[in-house]
Amino acid sequence: MASSSLDIEAAQAHKAGDDGGYTTAASAHAVDTDSWQQVGLLLVTGFNCGYVLSFSNLMMVPLGWWWGAACLLLVAASAWYANWLLAGLHLVDGHRFIRYRDLMGSVFGRKMYYITWFLQFATLLLVSMGFILLGGRALKAISAEFMGDSTPRLQWFIAAAGAVYLVFAYFVPTLSAMRNWLATSAALTVTFDVALLAVLVKDGRSSKHTDYSTHGTQLEKVFSALGAVAATLVCNSSGLLPEIQSTLRKPSVSNMRRALALQYTVGAAAYYGITVAGYWAYGAAASEYLPNQLGGPRWTSVLINAAAFLQSIVSQHMFAAPIHEAMDTRLQRLDEGMFSRHNMVRRLVARGVLFSVNVFVTALFPFMGDFVNLFGSFALFPLTFIFPSMMVLKIKGRCDGRWHRLWHWGIIVVASVLGIATSAAAVRLIAHNISVYRFFADV
């Protein structure tokens, strides 16, 4: 699959319209069609998904109030700058790069193409599995409200969530095709955000002795803090900005930067608000899945879990889209529409195999979130911080002066150190959970 993208780009590249002035790689998915408002809303709702139900535990509990708040703000500001920088590299020497791996391959050669391909797709596959696990937990929580101890095992709900995601990915095959679903996604996001905040405020006010201290030995605190840094980056960056930017109408650079501004203001305010409110309400006791400890009537838990699950159907598609695009470009006939008989059959087979594997692995390892953190730290630090600065140094380094080069070398060094440290923390957590849980555990 990796070689096909680069080969197809070389063989089937075409010129945009007369006013475009750039070369664009061939793709089975739509390019140059969406407004920045649509992409901005896609980013806002995509990151404000059901994952926010775990952010208080993942990001604030290991760090406490002051270090936690500082980490949230610093990582968000750094990710915003790095993505703003990467957006400016979408057009290089008259060529528009619609895939991150193609951009890296053009600047640094074929080896970096494959490295970028691996980092992107490993992360996106695991994030997709994380969404399936999230959906399964939400469905099980709804079932538990009505069936109690007779609720089926988690694996059945994981399979159900995967089947629903497969249907959506089949009939809404591209990022641009999601435009008709973004309003629904936004409404669902507001629903579970508002309902969750209302319950958190009620629970926080009723709690008189909330513990906000960090726990564990000094070594455990260090590893937990590093894990929190990695989780904060995962909730702020996706590693697929060029793929999202490819859908934008011209001028693609300024439009992408407008969409990013929407994500890191309106979007960040929403998911950071939930994160802080959850920690304020429960402190160090905040659950890894907030609906499990919410007070209040049954219907609030059902509403929050149902809205989070339904919203995740749309959100997960954004993170899986680059994988679908690679398979569709390789397997489908590019001169036919996405809904031709030949392409629909190929798409069904490709999506079916992908989701079947994802569901099986998720059911086998129902603590998949730990692996997401691992590849988030191992892959997102290079994709978000290191690679953009490397490209700026390669393309513009000699022209921008000494201090400019020192700035980007500093980013590369600091991001490399953090990536290694947070990866070590994630490996340690996975080793612990493997010793605790069995295959197909009902957690």
Foldseek 3Di string as FASTA:
>chain_A
DLVVQLVQQVVPWDDDDPVLQAIEGFFLDAFQADFLVLLLLLLLLLLLFLQLLQLLQQADLLQFDPRSVVLLVVLQVLLLVLLLLVLVQQADPRYGYLWPLNSLCVQPNDVSSVVLVVLQVLLLLLVLLVLLLLQLVLVQLLVCLPPPPPGDFSLVSSVVLLVLLLVCCLVQVAPVSCSVVSVVLVVLSVQLLVLLLVLLVVLLVVDDDADQDHDDDPVLSLLSNLLSSLVSNVSNDQLTLSNSLRRHHPPSSVSSSVSSVSCSPVSSCRSVVSNVSQCSNHHSPRDSRNLVDGDDDPVSSNSNSVSSSVSSSSSSCVSCNVVSGVQLRVQDDSVDHCPDPRNSVSSSVVSVVSSVVSSQVCLFPVVSVLVSSLSSLQRVLCSSFLVSLVSCCSRPVVPPDDVSNVVNVVSNVVSVVSSVSNNVSSVVVVVVVPVVDGTSGRD
